[in-house]
Amino acid sequence: MRGAGISVTLEEAQDGQVVQGVAGGVDWEVLSFVANHVSVLHKVVSKPPLGLPDGEKAASGTANTKDHISGCAVEVCCLLLVALLWGGTNPFLKKGTEGIEKVKSRNIVIQLFAEIKFLFLNYKYLVPFLLNQSGSVIYYYTLATTDLSLAVLLSNSLTFLFTLLTGKLLGEEIGGKQALIGMLLIIVGITLCVASTVNKES
């Protein structure tokens, strides 16, 4: 630092000391102020940068990605369970209502209560109904953390698929080759939607 007849080296300025200079016309308070600020500036510049090293940042990003993919897998499994509980119980609910047409009454209100009594005292209807409603509980719980568009698409389309498969196992007619082609298209569409959602959020 040079000027006004003053010669100060950087080391001397950092220590707040002046060895060389001319006494005449020197403002020592200003010189001391400048020396102190040079020392502070040197400490700030020489301080190592803040933040995580690149290796730790990469490891943290990888861990977050793995956690996100794991969370998506859990959500998809929950929605699959919901679809299974909804679709798998629909044919059983249909079979459980067989005979309800024989319940007759002159009064509409009495007719309603008689049909309710018939259904809830019939274990063939009651058990599938409770399983179906448990699927609804899981569904509303999953909605809290799942993308709404993915949840509605996955649960409703797979419900239809599981309904067809369960009906086929029970001996119902599901529509032949056209139904099979429809089920394959549903599976392909769901796979694409799930893969797109996971990649987008990752």
N, C-alpha and C. Protein backbone atom coordinates (compact mmCIF):
# COMPACT_ATOMS: atom_id res chain seq x y z
N MET A 1 0.87 -1.18 0.00
CA MET A 1 0.00 0.00 0.00
C MET A 1 0.90 1.23 0.00
N ARG A 2 0.75 2.11 -1.01
CA ARG A 2 1.61 3.28 -1.14
C ARG A 2 0.76 4.52 -1.38
N GLY A 3 1.24 5.65 -0.88
CA GLY A 3 0.56 6.89 -1.13
C GLY A 3 0.86 7.90 -0.06
N ALA A 4 0.96 9.20 -0.43
CA ALA A 4 1.20 10.31 0.52
C ALA A 4 2.46 10.08 1.31
N GLY A 5 3.50 9.52 0.65
CA GLY A 5 4.77 9.37 1.33
C GLY A 5 4.78 8.23 2.32
N ILE A 6 3.84 7.26 2.21
CA ILE A 6 3.76 6.16 3.18
C ILE A 6 4.03 4.87 2.44
N SER A 7 4.84 4.01 3.00
CA SER A 7 5.13 2.70 2.41
C SER A 7 4.87 1.65 3.47
N VAL A 8 3.81 0.77 3.23
CA VAL A 8 3.42 -0.24 4.20
C VAL A 8 3.29 -1.57 3.48
N THR A 9 3.95 -2.57 4.01
CA THR A 9 3.80 -3.91 3.42
C THR A 9 2.52 -4.56 3.91
N LEU A 10 2.04 -5.65 3.19
CA LEU A 10 0.77 -6.32 3.55
C LEU A 10 0.89 -6.98 4.91
N GLU A 11 2.05 -7.61 5.19
CA GLU A 11 2.23 -8.27 6.48
C GLU A 11 2.19 -7.28 7.62
N GLU A 12 2.79 -6.13 7.41
CA GLU A 12 2.79 -5.10 8.44
C GLU A 12 1.39 -4.56 8.66
N ALA A 13 0.61 -4.41 7.55
CA ALA A 13 -0.76 -3.92 7.69
C ALA A 13 -1.63 -4.90 8.42
N GLN A 14 -1.40 -6.21 8.17
CA GLN A 14 -2.19 -7.21 8.86
C GLN A 14 -1.92 -7.20 10.36
N ASP A 15 -0.72 -6.96 10.75
CA ASP A 15 -0.38 -6.91 12.18
C ASP A 15 -0.70 -5.57 12.80
N GLY A 16 -1.15 -4.62 12.00
CA GLY A 16 -1.48 -3.30 12.52
C GLY A 16 -0.25 -2.49 12.86
N GLN A 17 0.91 -2.85 12.27
CA GLN A 17 2.15 -2.15 12.58
C GLN A 17 2.68 -1.47 11.32
N VAL A 18 3.36 -0.37 11.48
CA VAL A 18 3.98 0.38 10.38
C VAL A 18 5.44 0.57 10.72
N VAL A 19 6.29 0.06 9.86
CA VAL A 19 7.72 0.18 10.10
C VAL A 19 8.31 1.30 9.27
N GLN A 20 7.85 1.35 7.99
CA GLN A 20 8.37 2.36 7.11
C GLN A 20 7.36 3.48 6.95
N GLY A 21 7.75 4.71 6.84
CA GLY A 21 6.84 5.80 6.61
C GLY A 21 7.50 7.13 6.92
N VAL A 22 6.81 8.12 6.62
CA VAL A 22 7.30 9.46 6.87
C VAL A 22 6.40 10.09 7.90
N ALA A 23 6.96 10.64 8.96
CA ALA A 23 6.15 11.15 10.07
C ALA A 23 5.35 12.36 9.65
N GLY A 24 5.87 13.15 8.78
CA GLY A 24 5.19 14.38 8.46
C GLY A 24 3.90 14.16 7.70
N GLY A 25 2.77 14.69 8.18
CA GLY A 25 1.50 14.65 7.49
C GLY A 25 0.80 13.30 7.52
N VAL A 26 1.22 12.40 8.39
CA VAL A 26 0.62 11.07 8.43
C VAL A 26 -0.52 11.05 9.44
N ASP A 27 -1.71 10.60 9.03
CA ASP A 27 -2.85 10.45 9.93
C ASP A 27 -2.82 9.00 10.44
N TRP A 28 -2.31 8.82 11.66
CA TRP A 28 -2.11 7.46 12.18
C TRP A 28 -3.45 6.79 12.50
N GLU A 29 -4.49 7.51 12.82
CA GLU A 29 -5.79 6.89 13.08
C GLU A 29 -6.36 6.28 11.79
N VAL A 30 -6.25 7.00 10.67
CA VAL A 30 -6.71 6.48 9.39
C VAL A 30 -5.88 5.27 8.98
N LEU A 31 -4.58 5.37 9.19
CA LEU A 31 -3.70 4.26 8.82
C LEU A 31 -4.02 3.00 9.64
N SER A 32 -4.26 3.19 10.93
CA SER A 32 -4.62 2.05 11.78
C SER A 32 -5.96 1.44 11.36
N PHE A 33 -6.94 2.32 11.00
CA PHE A 33 -8.26 1.84 10.53
C PHE A 33 -8.12 0.98 9.27
N VAL A 34 -7.29 1.45 8.31
CA VAL A 34 -7.07 0.70 7.07
C VAL A 34 -6.38 -0.61 7.34
N ALA A 35 -5.40 -0.61 8.23
CA ALA A 35 -4.66 -1.83 8.54
C ALA A 35 -5.56 -2.88 9.17
N ASN A 36 -6.44 -2.45 10.06
CA ASN A 36 -7.36 -3.40 10.70
C ASN A 36 -8.31 -4.01 9.68
N HIS A 37 -8.82 -3.19 8.73
CA HIS A 37 -9.75 -3.71 7.73
C HIS A 37 -9.05 -4.64 6.75
N VAL A 38 -7.79 -4.37 6.45
CA VAL A 38 -7.03 -5.29 5.59
C VAL A 38 -6.87 -6.64 6.27
N SER A 39 -6.63 -6.62 7.58
CA SER A 39 -6.48 -7.86 8.33
C SER A 39 -7.77 -8.66 8.33
N VAL A 40 -8.92 -7.97 8.54
CA VAL A 40 -10.22 -8.66 8.54
C VAL A 40 -10.53 -9.23 7.17
N LEU A 41 -10.24 -8.45 6.11
CA LEU A 41 -10.49 -8.90 4.75
C LEU A 41 -9.66 -10.14 4.41
N HIS A 42 -8.39 -10.14 4.89
CA HIS A 42 -7.52 -11.29 4.64
C HIS A 42 -8.07 -12.55 5.30
N LYS A 43 -8.62 -12.42 6.51
CA LYS A 43 -9.18 -13.58 7.22
C LYS A 43 -10.42 -14.11 6.51
N VAL A 44 -11.26 -13.18 6.00
CA VAL A 44 -12.48 -13.60 5.32
C VAL A 44 -12.15 -14.33 4.02
N VAL A 45 -11.18 -13.79 3.27
CA VAL A 45 -10.82 -14.40 1.99
C VAL A 45 -10.17 -15.76 2.19
N SER A 46 -9.37 -15.87 3.22
CA SER A 46 -8.67 -17.14 3.45
C SER A 46 -9.52 -18.19 4.13
N LYS A 47 -10.77 -17.83 4.57
CA LYS A 47 -11.63 -18.80 5.25
C LYS A 47 -12.12 -19.84 4.24
N PRO A 48 -12.12 -21.11 4.60
CA PRO A 48 -12.58 -22.15 3.65
C PRO A 48 -14.06 -21.99 3.36
N PRO A 49 -14.54 -22.38 2.17
CA PRO A 49 -15.95 -22.23 1.79
C PRO A 49 -16.85 -23.09 2.66
N LEU A 50 -18.07 -22.58 2.88
CA LEU A 50 -19.04 -23.31 3.67
C LEU A 50 -19.73 -24.35 2.82
N GLY A 51 -20.41 -25.29 3.48
CA GLY A 51 -21.19 -26.28 2.77
C GLY A 51 -20.55 -27.64 2.81
N LEU A 52 -21.27 -28.64 2.36
CA LEU A 52 -20.79 -30.00 2.35
C LEU A 52 -19.84 -30.23 1.19
N PRO A 53 -18.88 -31.11 1.37
CA PRO A 53 -18.03 -31.49 0.22
C PRO A 53 -18.86 -32.13 -0.87
N ASP A 54 -18.29 -32.16 -2.08
CA ASP A 54 -19.04 -32.71 -3.22
C ASP A 54 -19.43 -34.15 -3.00
N GLY A 55 -18.55 -34.92 -2.38
CA GLY A 55 -18.86 -36.33 -2.13
C GLY A 55 -20.05 -36.51 -1.21
N GLU A 56 -20.10 -35.69 -0.13
CA GLU A 56 -21.21 -35.79 0.80
C GLU A 56 -22.51 -35.30 0.17
N LYS A 57 -22.43 -34.26 -0.69
CA LYS A 57 -23.63 -33.78 -1.37
C LYS A 57 -24.19 -34.86 -2.30
N ALA A 58 -23.30 -35.53 -3.02
CA ALA A 58 -23.75 -36.59 -3.93
C ALA A 58 -24.37 -37.74 -3.16
N ALA A 59 -23.76 -38.09 -2.01
CA ALA A 59 -24.31 -39.18 -1.20
C ALA A 59 -25.66 -38.80 -0.63
N SER A 60 -25.80 -37.53 -0.21
CA SER A 60 -27.09 -37.07 0.32
C SER A 60 -28.17 -37.09 -0.75
N GLY A 61 -27.83 -36.65 -1.99
CA GLY A 61 -28.80 -36.67 -3.07
C GLY A 61 -29.22 -38.08 -3.44
N THR A 62 -28.26 -39.01 -3.43
CA THR A 62 -28.59 -40.41 -3.73
C THR A 62 -29.50 -40.99 -2.68
N ALA A 63 -29.23 -40.67 -1.40
CA ALA A 63 -30.08 -41.18 -0.32
C ALA A 63 -31.50 -40.64 -0.42
N ASN A 64 -31.63 -39.35 -0.77
CA ASN A 64 -32.97 -38.76 -0.93
C ASN A 64 -33.72 -39.41 -2.08
N THR A 65 -33.02 -39.71 -3.17
CA THR A 65 -33.67 -40.36 -4.31
C THR A 65 -34.14 -41.75 -3.94
N LYS A 66 -33.32 -42.49 -3.21
CA LYS A 66 -33.71 -43.84 -2.79
C LYS A 66 -34.92 -43.79 -1.87
N ASP A 67 -34.93 -42.83 -0.93
CA ASP A 67 -36.06 -42.70 -0.02
C ASP A 67 -37.34 -42.37 -0.79
N HIS A 68 -37.22 -41.51 -1.81
CA HIS A 68 -38.39 -41.12 -2.59
C HIS A 68 -38.94 -42.31 -3.36
N ILE A 69 -38.05 -43.08 -3.99
CA ILE A 69 -38.49 -44.26 -4.75
C ILE A 69 -39.12 -45.28 -3.82
N SER A 70 -38.54 -45.45 -2.63
CA SER A 70 -39.11 -46.38 -1.66
C SER A 70 -40.50 -45.94 -1.22
N GLY A 71 -40.67 -44.61 -1.00
CA GLY A 71 -41.99 -44.10 -0.63
C GLY A 71 -43.01 -44.31 -1.73
N CYS A 72 -42.60 -44.10 -2.98
CA CYS A 72 -43.52 -44.34 -4.10
C CYS A 72 -43.91 -45.81 -4.20
N ALA A 73 -42.96 -46.71 -3.94
CA ALA A 73 -43.26 -48.14 -3.99
C ALA A 73 -44.28 -48.52 -2.93
N VAL A 74 -44.16 -47.93 -1.74
CA VAL A 74 -45.12 -48.22 -0.67
C VAL A 74 -46.51 -47.71 -1.05
N GLU A 75 -46.57 -46.52 -1.63
CA GLU A 75 -47.86 -45.96 -2.04
C GLU A 75 -48.52 -46.81 -3.13
N VAL A 76 -47.72 -47.27 -4.11
CA VAL A 76 -48.27 -48.12 -5.17
C VAL A 76 -48.79 -49.44 -4.60
N CYS A 77 -48.06 -50.01 -3.65
CA CYS A 77 -48.51 -51.26 -3.02
C CYS A 77 -49.82 -51.05 -2.26
N CYS A 78 -49.95 -49.92 -1.58
CA CYS A 78 -51.20 -49.62 -0.88
C CYS A 78 -52.36 -49.50 -1.85
N LEU A 79 -52.13 -48.84 -2.98
CA LEU A 79 -53.19 -48.69 -3.98
C LEU A 79 -53.54 -50.03 -4.63
N LEU A 80 -52.55 -50.89 -4.81
CA LEU A 80 -52.83 -52.23 -5.32
C LEU A 80 -53.70 -53.01 -4.33
N LEU A 81 -53.40 -52.87 -3.05
CA LEU A 81 -54.21 -53.54 -2.03
C LEU A 81 -55.64 -53.00 -2.03
N VAL A 82 -55.77 -51.69 -2.20
CA VAL A 82 -57.11 -51.09 -2.26
C VAL A 82 -57.89 -51.65 -3.44
N ALA A 83 -57.26 -51.70 -4.61
CA ALA A 83 -57.93 -52.22 -5.80
C ALA A 83 -58.32 -53.69 -5.62
N LEU A 84 -57.45 -54.45 -4.96
CA LEU A 84 -57.75 -55.86 -4.72
C LEU A 84 -58.95 -56.02 -3.78
N LEU A 85 -58.99 -55.20 -2.74
CA LEU A 85 -60.11 -55.28 -1.79
C LEU A 85 -61.42 -54.81 -2.43
N TRP A 86 -61.33 -53.79 -3.26
CA TRP A 86 -62.54 -53.31 -3.93
C TRP A 86 -62.99 -54.28 -5.03
N GLY A 87 -62.09 -54.57 -5.95
CA GLY A 87 -62.47 -55.40 -7.09
C GLY A 87 -62.71 -56.86 -6.73
N GLY A 88 -61.92 -57.39 -5.78
CA GLY A 88 -62.07 -58.78 -5.41
C GLY A 88 -63.34 -59.09 -4.66
N THR A 89 -63.91 -58.08 -4.02
CA THR A 89 -65.14 -58.30 -3.23
C THR A 89 -66.42 -58.01 -4.02
N ASN A 90 -66.32 -57.32 -5.14
CA ASN A 90 -67.53 -56.98 -5.90
C ASN A 90 -68.33 -58.21 -6.34
N PRO A 91 -67.71 -59.23 -6.91
CA PRO A 91 -68.51 -60.41 -7.28
C PRO A 91 -69.13 -61.12 -6.07
N PHE A 92 -68.43 -61.12 -4.95
CA PHE A 92 -68.98 -61.74 -3.75
C PHE A 92 -70.16 -60.94 -3.19
N LEU A 93 -70.07 -59.62 -3.30
CA LEU A 93 -71.20 -58.79 -2.88
C LEU A 93 -72.43 -59.08 -3.75
N LYS A 94 -72.18 -59.25 -5.03
CA LYS A 94 -73.27 -59.57 -5.94
C LYS A 94 -73.92 -60.91 -5.58
N LYS A 95 -73.08 -61.91 -5.28
CA LYS A 95 -73.62 -63.21 -4.89
C LYS A 95 -74.31 -63.15 -3.54
N GLY A 96 -73.81 -62.28 -2.66
CA GLY A 96 -74.41 -62.18 -1.32
C GLY A 96 -75.80 -61.57 -1.33
N THR A 97 -76.14 -60.85 -2.38
CA THR A 97 -77.47 -60.24 -2.46
C THR A 97 -78.51 -61.17 -3.09
N GLU A 98 -78.10 -62.35 -3.50
CA GLU A 98 -79.06 -63.29 -4.09
C GLU A 98 -80.13 -63.67 -3.07
N GLY A 99 -81.38 -63.54 -3.45
CA GLY A 99 -82.50 -63.84 -2.57
C GLY A 99 -83.15 -62.61 -1.96
N ILE A 100 -82.51 -61.44 -2.15
CA ILE A 100 -83.08 -60.24 -1.56
C ILE A 100 -84.38 -59.85 -2.26
N GLU A 101 -84.55 -60.31 -3.51
CA GLU A 101 -85.78 -59.99 -4.23
C GLU A 101 -86.99 -60.70 -3.62
N LYS A 102 -86.75 -61.71 -2.80
CA LYS A 102 -87.85 -62.42 -2.16
C LYS A 102 -88.39 -61.70 -0.92
N VAL A 103 -87.63 -60.69 -0.46
CA VAL A 103 -88.08 -59.92 0.71
C VAL A 103 -89.16 -58.95 0.24
N LYS A 104 -90.37 -59.12 0.71
CA LYS A 104 -91.50 -58.30 0.28
C LYS A 104 -92.19 -57.70 1.50
N SER A 105 -92.69 -56.46 1.29
CA SER A 105 -93.47 -55.80 2.33
C SER A 105 -94.33 -54.73 1.67
N ARG A 106 -95.50 -54.47 2.27
CA ARG A 106 -96.41 -53.47 1.72
C ARG A 106 -95.92 -52.05 1.97
N ASN A 107 -95.25 -51.83 3.09
CA ASN A 107 -94.76 -50.50 3.45
C ASN A 107 -93.32 -50.33 2.95
N ILE A 108 -93.06 -49.16 2.35
CA ILE A 108 -91.72 -48.92 1.79
C ILE A 108 -90.67 -48.88 2.90
N VAL A 109 -90.98 -48.24 4.02
CA VAL A 109 -90.02 -48.14 5.12
C VAL A 109 -89.72 -49.52 5.69
N ILE A 110 -90.74 -50.30 5.90
CA ILE A 110 -90.54 -51.66 6.43
C ILE A 110 -89.77 -52.50 5.43
N GLN A 111 -90.03 -52.30 4.15
CA GLN A 111 -89.30 -53.01 3.09
C GLN A 111 -87.81 -52.70 3.17
N LEU A 112 -87.50 -51.43 3.37
CA LEU A 112 -86.10 -51.01 3.44
C LEU A 112 -85.39 -51.68 4.62
N PHE A 113 -86.01 -51.63 5.80
CA PHE A 113 -85.39 -52.23 6.98
C PHE A 113 -85.31 -53.75 6.84
N ALA A 114 -86.25 -54.35 6.18
CA ALA A 114 -86.22 -55.81 5.98
C ALA A 114 -85.06 -56.20 5.06
N GLU A 115 -84.81 -55.40 4.04
CA GLU A 115 -83.69 -55.69 3.14
C GLU A 115 -82.35 -55.49 3.85
N ILE A 116 -82.26 -54.44 4.66
CA ILE A 116 -81.03 -54.21 5.43
C ILE A 116 -80.79 -55.37 6.39
N LYS A 117 -81.82 -55.82 7.04
CA LYS A 117 -81.70 -56.95 7.96
C LYS A 117 -81.26 -58.20 7.21
N PHE A 118 -81.82 -58.42 6.05
CA PHE A 118 -81.45 -59.58 5.24
C PHE A 118 -79.97 -59.55 4.87
N LEU A 119 -79.47 -58.38 4.49
CA LEU A 119 -78.09 -58.28 4.05
C LEU A 119 -77.10 -58.43 5.21
N PHE A 120 -77.36 -57.76 6.31
CA PHE A 120 -76.38 -57.75 7.39
C PHE A 120 -76.46 -58.97 8.30
N LEU A 121 -77.47 -59.77 8.12
CA LEU A 121 -77.51 -61.05 8.82
C LEU A 121 -77.04 -62.18 7.91
N ASN A 122 -76.63 -61.82 6.72
CA ASN A 122 -76.13 -62.80 5.76
C ASN A 122 -74.61 -62.65 5.68
N TYR A 123 -73.87 -63.63 6.20
CA TYR A 123 -72.41 -63.53 6.24
C TYR A 123 -71.80 -63.51 4.83
N LYS A 124 -72.50 -64.08 3.85
CA LYS A 124 -71.99 -64.07 2.48
C LYS A 124 -71.93 -62.65 1.92
N TYR A 125 -72.73 -61.78 2.46
CA TYR A 125 -72.69 -60.37 2.06
C TYR A 125 -71.86 -59.54 3.05
N LEU A 126 -71.99 -59.84 4.33
CA LEU A 126 -71.37 -59.00 5.37
C LEU A 126 -69.85 -59.05 5.30
N VAL A 127 -69.26 -60.23 5.14
CA VAL A 127 -67.80 -60.34 5.11
C VAL A 127 -67.20 -59.59 3.91
N PRO A 128 -67.69 -59.80 2.69
CA PRO A 128 -67.16 -58.99 1.57
C PRO A 128 -67.38 -57.50 1.74
N PHE A 129 -68.50 -57.12 2.36
CA PHE A 129 -68.78 -55.71 2.57
C PHE A 129 -67.75 -55.08 3.51
N LEU A 130 -67.42 -55.77 4.59
CA LEU A 130 -66.43 -55.24 5.53
C LEU A 130 -65.05 -55.15 4.89
N LEU A 131 -64.69 -56.14 4.09
CA LEU A 131 -63.40 -56.08 3.39
C LEU A 131 -63.38 -54.93 2.39
N ASN A 132 -64.49 -54.72 1.71
CA ASN A 132 -64.59 -53.63 0.75
C ASN A 132 -64.41 -52.29 1.45
N GLN A 133 -65.03 -52.13 2.60
CA GLN A 133 -64.92 -50.86 3.33
C GLN A 133 -63.53 -50.66 3.92
N SER A 134 -62.86 -51.74 4.27
CA SER A 134 -61.48 -51.60 4.75
C SER A 134 -60.58 -51.07 3.63
N GLY A 135 -60.90 -51.47 2.39
CA GLY A 135 -60.17 -50.90 1.26
C GLY A 135 -60.38 -49.40 1.14
N SER A 136 -61.58 -48.94 1.44
CA SER A 136 -61.86 -47.50 1.40
C SER A 136 -61.06 -46.76 2.47
N VAL A 137 -60.92 -47.37 3.64
CA VAL A 137 -60.14 -46.74 4.71
C VAL A 137 -58.68 -46.59 4.29
N ILE A 138 -58.11 -47.65 3.71
CA ILE A 138 -56.72 -47.59 3.24
C ILE A 138 -56.57 -46.56 2.13
N TYR A 139 -57.57 -46.47 1.28
CA TYR A 139 -57.53 -45.53 0.15
C TYR A 139 -57.47 -44.09 0.65
N TYR A 140 -58.34 -43.73 1.57
CA TYR A 140 -58.35 -42.36 2.07
C TYR A 140 -57.10 -42.05 2.89
N TYR A 141 -56.54 -43.05 3.53
CA TYR A 141 -55.28 -42.85 4.26
C TYR A 141 -54.13 -42.60 3.27
N THR A 142 -54.12 -43.34 2.16
CA THR A 142 -53.05 -43.21 1.16
C THR A 142 -53.13 -41.88 0.42
N LEU A 143 -54.33 -41.31 0.28
CA LEU A 143 -54.49 -40.05 -0.44
C LEU A 143 -53.71 -38.91 0.21
N ALA A 144 -53.40 -39.04 1.50
CA ALA A 144 -52.70 -37.96 2.20
C ALA A 144 -51.29 -37.75 1.67
N THR A 145 -50.67 -38.79 1.11
CA THR A 145 -49.29 -38.69 0.65
C THR A 145 -49.10 -39.03 -0.82
N THR A 146 -50.18 -39.34 -1.53
CA THR A 146 -50.07 -39.79 -2.92
C THR A 146 -50.62 -38.74 -3.87
N ASP A 147 -50.02 -38.67 -5.04
CA ASP A 147 -50.54 -37.80 -6.10
C ASP A 147 -51.96 -38.23 -6.44
N LEU A 148 -52.90 -37.28 -6.42
CA LEU A 148 -54.31 -37.60 -6.59
C LEU A 148 -54.58 -38.23 -7.96
N SER A 149 -53.96 -37.70 -9.00
CA SER A 149 -54.20 -38.24 -10.34
C SER A 149 -53.73 -39.68 -10.45
N LEU A 150 -52.62 -40.00 -9.81
CA LEU A 150 -52.12 -41.38 -9.83
C LEU A 150 -53.00 -42.29 -9.00
N ALA A 151 -53.44 -41.82 -7.83
CA ALA A 151 -54.23 -42.66 -6.93
C ALA A 151 -55.57 -43.03 -7.55
N VAL A 152 -56.25 -42.05 -8.14
CA VAL A 152 -57.57 -42.32 -8.74
C VAL A 152 -57.43 -43.26 -9.93
N LEU A 153 -56.45 -42.99 -10.79
CA LEU A 153 -56.25 -43.83 -11.98
C LEU A 153 -55.91 -45.27 -11.59
N LEU A 154 -54.96 -45.42 -10.70
CA LEU A 154 -54.48 -46.75 -10.34
C LEU A 154 -55.55 -47.57 -9.63
N SER A 155 -56.20 -46.97 -8.66
CA SER A 155 -57.19 -47.72 -7.87
C SER A 155 -58.42 -48.10 -8.69
N ASN A 156 -58.96 -47.16 -9.46
CA ASN A 156 -60.19 -47.43 -10.20
C ASN A 156 -59.98 -48.41 -11.36
N SER A 157 -58.89 -48.22 -12.10
CA SER A 157 -58.65 -49.12 -13.23
C SER A 157 -58.33 -50.53 -12.77
N LEU A 158 -57.53 -50.67 -11.71
CA LEU A 158 -57.21 -51.99 -11.22
C LEU A 158 -58.41 -52.65 -10.52
N THR A 159 -59.29 -51.83 -9.96
CA THR A 159 -60.51 -52.40 -9.38
C THR A 159 -61.32 -53.12 -10.45
N PHE A 160 -61.45 -52.50 -11.60
CA PHE A 160 -62.15 -53.13 -12.71
C PHE A 160 -61.46 -54.42 -13.13
N LEU A 161 -60.12 -54.39 -13.16
CA LEU A 161 -59.36 -55.57 -13.55
C LEU A 161 -59.56 -56.72 -12.56
N PHE A 162 -59.47 -56.42 -11.27
CA PHE A 162 -59.65 -57.46 -10.25
C PHE A 162 -61.09 -57.97 -10.22
N THR A 163 -62.04 -57.11 -10.54
CA THR A 163 -63.44 -57.56 -10.60
C THR A 163 -63.62 -58.60 -11.70
N LEU A 164 -63.04 -58.34 -12.87
CA LEU A 164 -63.13 -59.29 -13.97
C LEU A 164 -62.45 -60.62 -13.62
N LEU A 165 -61.27 -60.54 -13.03
CA LEU A 165 -60.54 -61.76 -12.70
C LEU A 165 -61.28 -62.58 -11.64
N THR A 166 -61.79 -61.93 -10.62
CA THR A 166 -62.52 -62.65 -9.58
C THR A 166 -63.80 -63.24 -10.13
N GLY A 167 -64.50 -62.48 -10.97
CA GLY A 167 -65.71 -63.02 -11.59
C GLY A 167 -65.42 -64.23 -12.45
N LYS A 168 -64.28 -64.21 -13.15
CA LYS A 168 -63.90 -65.36 -13.97
C LYS A 168 -63.64 -66.58 -13.10
N LEU A 169 -62.99 -66.38 -11.96
CA LEU A 169 -62.72 -67.49 -11.04
C LEU A 169 -64.01 -68.07 -10.46
N LEU A 170 -65.02 -67.22 -10.32
CA LEU A 170 -66.31 -67.68 -9.78
C LEU A 170 -67.21 -68.25 -10.87
N GLY A 171 -66.72 -68.29 -12.10
CA GLY A 171 -67.49 -68.89 -13.18
C GLY A 171 -68.36 -67.93 -13.96
N GLU A 172 -68.18 -66.64 -13.77
CA GLU A 172 -68.97 -65.67 -14.52
C GLU A 172 -68.38 -65.44 -15.91
N GLU A 173 -69.21 -65.02 -16.82
CA GLU A 173 -68.77 -64.68 -18.16
C GLU A 173 -68.23 -63.25 -18.17
N ILE A 174 -66.99 -63.07 -18.62
CA ILE A 174 -66.37 -61.74 -18.57
C ILE A 174 -66.23 -61.10 -19.94
N GLY A 175 -66.59 -61.80 -21.02
CA GLY A 175 -66.56 -61.15 -22.34
C GLY A 175 -65.56 -61.71 -23.31
N GLY A 176 -64.87 -62.77 -23.00
CA GLY A 176 -63.98 -63.42 -23.95
C GLY A 176 -62.71 -62.64 -24.24
N LYS A 177 -62.28 -62.69 -25.52
CA LYS A 177 -61.01 -62.09 -25.92
C LYS A 177 -61.00 -60.58 -25.77
N GLN A 178 -62.12 -59.95 -26.01
CA GLN A 178 -62.17 -58.49 -25.88
C GLN A 178 -61.87 -58.05 -24.46
N ALA A 179 -62.38 -58.78 -23.48
CA ALA A 179 -62.10 -58.45 -22.09
C ALA A 179 -60.63 -58.65 -21.77
N LEU A 180 -60.03 -59.70 -22.30
CA LEU A 180 -58.61 -59.94 -22.07
C LEU A 180 -57.75 -58.84 -22.67
N ILE A 181 -58.10 -58.42 -23.90
CA ILE A 181 -57.36 -57.32 -24.53
C ILE A 181 -57.51 -56.04 -23.71
N GLY A 182 -58.72 -55.80 -23.20
CA GLY A 182 -58.94 -54.62 -22.36
C GLY A 182 -58.10 -54.67 -21.09
N MET A 183 -57.99 -55.85 -20.47
CA MET A 183 -57.18 -55.98 -19.26
C MET A 183 -55.71 -55.72 -19.54
N LEU A 184 -55.22 -56.22 -20.68
CA LEU A 184 -53.83 -55.98 -21.05
C LEU A 184 -53.56 -54.50 -21.28
N LEU A 185 -54.49 -53.83 -21.94
CA LEU A 185 -54.33 -52.39 -22.17
C LEU A 185 -54.33 -51.61 -20.85
N ILE A 186 -55.16 -52.05 -19.91
CA ILE A 186 -55.19 -51.40 -18.59
C ILE A 186 -53.84 -51.55 -17.91
N ILE A 187 -53.28 -52.75 -17.96
CA ILE A 187 -51.98 -52.99 -17.31
C ILE A 187 -50.88 -52.14 -17.94
N VAL A 188 -50.87 -52.07 -19.27
CA VAL A 188 -49.86 -51.27 -19.96
C VAL A 188 -50.00 -49.79 -19.62
N GLY A 189 -51.23 -49.30 -19.65
CA GLY A 189 -51.46 -47.89 -19.32
C GLY A 189 -51.06 -47.54 -17.91
N ILE A 190 -51.39 -48.39 -16.96
CA ILE A 190 -51.03 -48.14 -15.56
C ILE A 190 -49.51 -48.15 -15.38
N THR A 191 -48.85 -49.09 -16.04
CA THR A 191 -47.39 -49.16 -15.94
C THR A 191 -46.74 -47.89 -16.45
N LEU A 192 -47.21 -47.38 -17.58
CA LEU A 192 -46.66 -46.14 -18.14
C LEU A 192 -46.91 -44.95 -17.21
N CYS A 193 -48.10 -44.88 -16.65
CA CYS A 193 -48.44 -43.76 -15.76
C CYS A 193 -47.59 -43.78 -14.50
N VAL A 194 -47.42 -44.96 -13.91
CA VAL A 194 -46.62 -45.06 -12.68
C VAL A 194 -45.17 -44.72 -12.97
N ALA A 195 -44.62 -45.25 -14.08
CA ALA A 195 -43.22 -44.96 -14.42
C ALA A 195 -43.02 -43.47 -14.70
N SER A 196 -43.97 -42.85 -15.38
CA SER A 196 -43.87 -41.42 -15.67
C SER A 196 -43.91 -40.58 -14.39
N THR A 197 -44.79 -40.95 -13.48
CA THR A 197 -44.91 -40.20 -12.22
C THR A 197 -43.66 -40.33 -11.37
N VAL A 198 -43.11 -41.53 -11.28
CA VAL A 198 -41.89 -41.73 -10.47
C VAL A 198 -40.72 -40.97 -11.06
N ASN A 199 -40.54 -41.02 -12.39
CA ASN A 199 -39.44 -40.30 -13.02
C ASN A 199 -39.58 -38.79 -12.88
N LYS A 200 -40.81 -38.30 -12.98
CA LYS A 200 -41.05 -36.86 -12.86
C LYS A 200 -40.73 -36.37 -11.46
N GLU A 201 -41.16 -37.10 -10.44
CA GLU A 201 -40.93 -36.66 -9.06
C GLU A 201 -39.49 -36.87 -8.64
N SER A 202 -38.80 -37.86 -9.26
CA SER A 202 -37.39 -38.07 -8.92
C SER A 202 -36.51 -36.95 -9.46
